[in-house]
Amino acid sequence: MDIKAMLDAFCAAVEQRNGKAFADLFTADGIYHDVFYGAFEGRARIAEMIDDWFYRTASDFRWDMHEPVSDGKTLYARYTFSYRSALPEAKGARAMFEGVAIMKLREAKIAEYHEVANTATGFVDMNFAPERMAKIFAKQGAALKARPEMQRHLV
């Protein structure tokens, strides 16, 4: 598996609004866990996420993957990501994020995608009110606490 080629295709498909090409990088039962929109399971839903959900309130996407590391089963890559926001309060601003993509691999495809993202920078870029950011961060915190690997930290 050529990891660099896969990551280049991943980023290009998002930037080109090509949900089918993006979904074809996943296994038939693949799952994309988006930090904003939640889980999308199966190629049809993953393609819909790109073609509809991502572009519903944004355009001019840019996504770059940096320093990938993989053992053939799991792939980690640091990323930088941005888009032009169409939300009214953003006034056309470019929202910029960074994060780490975590992908479970199977048969040279992505079986599961998760990310750890610094969303605060993008929310500031889009002029989100502090109360709105607090609500989003509380939701992210609740989701983190609900994950099985966090249970030991809650006691």
Protein backbone atom coordinates (compact mmCIF):
# COMPACT_ATOMS: atom_id res chain seq x y z
CA MET A 1 0.00 0.00 0.00
CA ASP A 2 1.38 3.38 -1.00
CA ILE A 3 0.38 5.52 2.01
CA LYS A 4 1.43 8.81 0.43
CA ALA A 5 -0.65 8.13 -2.70
CA MET A 6 -3.65 7.17 -0.56
CA LEU A 7 -3.39 10.34 1.53
CA ASP A 8 -2.93 12.50 -1.56
CA ALA A 9 -6.07 10.93 -3.10
CA PHE A 10 -7.93 11.44 0.22
CA CYS A 11 -7.15 15.17 0.30
CA ALA A 12 -7.71 15.69 -3.44
CA ALA A 13 -11.15 14.05 -3.31
CA VAL A 14 -12.29 16.45 -0.57
CA GLU A 15 -10.88 19.48 -2.37
CA GLN A 16 -12.54 18.41 -5.64
CA ARG A 17 -15.89 17.57 -4.02
CA ASN A 18 -15.57 14.03 -5.29
CA GLY A 19 -17.43 11.93 -2.74
CA LYS A 20 -17.25 8.77 -4.84
CA ALA A 21 -13.45 8.92 -5.13
CA PHE A 22 -13.22 9.64 -1.41
CA ALA A 23 -15.57 6.77 -0.47
CA ASP A 24 -13.65 4.36 -2.72
CA LEU A 25 -10.68 4.76 -0.36
CA PHE A 26 -12.77 3.04 2.34
CA THR A 27 -13.79 -0.58 2.80
CA ALA A 28 -17.43 -1.31 1.90
CA ASP A 29 -18.31 -1.22 5.62
CA GLY A 30 -15.95 1.65 6.41
CA ILE A 31 -16.82 4.34 8.93
CA TYR A 32 -15.78 7.99 8.92
CA HIS A 33 -16.15 9.65 12.34
CA ASP A 34 -16.31 13.37 11.64
CA VAL A 35 -15.50 15.75 14.47
CA PHE A 36 -18.46 17.99 13.51
CA TYR A 37 -21.10 15.76 11.93
CA GLY A 38 -20.62 12.38 13.62
CA ALA A 39 -20.33 8.92 12.06
CA PHE A 40 -20.97 8.05 8.41
CA GLU A 41 -20.98 4.32 7.69
CA GLY A 42 -20.62 2.69 4.27
CA ARG A 43 -19.41 4.14 1.01
CA ALA A 44 -22.74 5.75 0.04
CA ARG A 45 -22.96 7.67 3.32
CA ILE A 46 -19.27 8.63 3.23
CA ALA A 47 -19.70 10.01 -0.31
CA GLU A 48 -22.79 11.92 0.86
CA MET A 49 -20.77 13.42 3.71
CA ILE A 50 -18.28 14.91 1.25
CA ASP A 51 -20.69 15.94 -1.52
CA ASP A 52 -23.44 17.31 0.72
CA TRP A 53 -22.51 17.77 4.37
CA PHE A 54 -19.02 19.23 3.88
CA TYR A 55 -20.08 21.59 1.09
CA ARG A 56 -23.40 22.65 2.62
CA THR A 57 -21.87 25.61 4.47
CA ALA A 58 -18.31 25.71 3.11
CA SER A 59 -16.26 25.86 -0.08
CA ASP A 60 -12.67 26.10 -1.28
CA PHE A 61 -11.41 23.24 0.88
CA ARG A 62 -7.71 22.68 1.42
CA TRP A 63 -6.44 19.57 3.17
CA ASP A 64 -2.84 18.48 3.62
CA MET A 65 -1.49 15.42 5.42
CA HIS A 66 1.93 15.59 7.06
CA GLU A 67 4.39 13.05 8.47
CA PRO A 68 2.32 9.84 8.11
CA VAL A 69 3.27 6.84 10.23
CA SER A 70 1.82 3.37 9.71
CA ASP A 71 2.39 -0.21 10.76
CA GLY A 72 0.10 -1.47 7.99
CA LYS A 73 -2.89 -1.77 10.33
CA THR A 74 -3.10 1.74 11.74
CA LEU A 75 -2.14 5.00 10.06
CA TYR A 76 -1.52 8.29 11.85
CA ALA A 77 -0.99 11.57 10.00
CA ARG A 78 -0.87 15.14 11.22
CA TYR A 79 -3.02 17.38 9.06
CA THR A 80 -3.80 20.99 8.27
CA PHE A 81 -7.26 21.73 6.93
CA SER A 82 -9.20 24.83 5.94
CA TYR A 83 -12.23 26.02 4.05
CA ARG A 84 -14.09 29.20 3.24
CA SER A 85 -17.11 29.32 5.55
CA ALA A 86 -20.53 30.26 4.23
CA LEU A 87 -22.02 30.66 7.71
CA PRO A 88 -23.47 34.18 8.15
CA GLU A 89 -21.32 35.10 11.15
CA ALA A 90 -18.13 34.02 9.36
CA LYS A 91 -18.56 36.62 6.61
CA GLY A 92 -16.65 34.44 4.13
CA ALA A 93 -13.66 33.88 6.42
CA ARG A 94 -11.25 30.99 5.91
CA ALA A 95 -11.57 28.66 8.89
CA MET A 96 -8.31 26.86 9.71
CA PHE A 97 -7.81 23.70 11.73
CA GLU A 98 -5.08 21.24 12.54
CA GLY A 99 -5.32 17.75 13.86
CA VAL A 100 -4.27 14.14 13.71
CA ALA A 101 -6.02 11.59 11.51
CA ILE A 102 -6.20 8.07 12.90
CA MET A 103 -7.11 5.39 10.38
CA LYS A 104 -7.63 1.66 10.85
CA LEU A 105 -6.60 -0.10 7.65
CA ARG A 106 -7.84 -3.35 6.11
CA GLU A 107 -7.00 -4.79 2.70
CA ALA A 108 -5.29 -1.56 1.55
CA LYS A 109 -8.41 0.49 2.39
CA ILE A 110 -9.55 2.65 5.30
CA ALA A 111 -11.85 0.65 7.58
CA GLU A 112 -12.30 3.40 10.14
CA TYR A 113 -11.33 7.07 10.34
CA HIS A 114 -11.16 9.12 13.55
CA GLU A 115 -9.53 12.44 14.20
CA VAL A 116 -8.33 14.54 17.07
CA ALA A 117 -8.76 18.14 15.94
CA ASN A 118 -8.06 21.58 17.31
CA THR A 119 -11.42 23.11 16.41
CA ALA A 120 -11.00 26.25 18.51
CA THR A 121 -8.92 28.05 15.89
CA GLY A 122 -11.55 27.53 13.20
CA PHE A 123 -14.38 28.64 15.46
CA VAL A 124 -12.53 31.88 16.22
CA ASP A 125 -11.88 32.36 12.49
CA MET A 126 -15.63 32.01 11.88
CA ASN A 127 -16.50 34.54 14.61
CA PHE A 128 -18.47 32.07 16.74
CA ALA A 129 -19.84 33.60 19.93
CA PRO A 130 -18.18 32.37 23.14
CA GLU A 131 -21.47 30.79 24.27
CA ARG A 132 -21.70 28.80 21.03
CA MET A 133 -18.12 27.58 21.39
CA ALA A 134 -18.75 26.56 25.00
CA LYS A 135 -21.77 24.51 23.91
CA ILE A 136 -19.74 22.76 21.17
CA PHE A 137 -16.82 22.07 23.53
CA ALA A 138 -19.20 20.66 26.16
CA LYS A 139 -20.63 18.28 23.54
CA GLN A 140 -17.10 17.21 22.51
CA GLY A 141 -16.22 16.68 26.18
CA ALA A 142 -19.29 14.52 26.75
CA ALA A 143 -18.44 12.41 23.69
CA LEU A 144 -14.89 11.93 24.97
CA LYS A 145 -16.12 10.84 28.39
CA ALA A 146 -18.51 8.34 26.80
CA ARG A 147 -15.70 6.47 24.99
CA PRO A 148 -14.68 3.11 26.48
CA GLU A 149 -11.00 4.07 26.77
CA MET A 150 -11.92 7.01 29.05
CA GLN A 151 -13.86 5.04 31.65
CA ARG A 152 -10.81 4.47 33.87
CA HIS A 153 -10.27 8.23 33.96
CA LEU A 154 -13.77 8.92 35.27
CA VAL A 155 -13.39 7.07 38.57
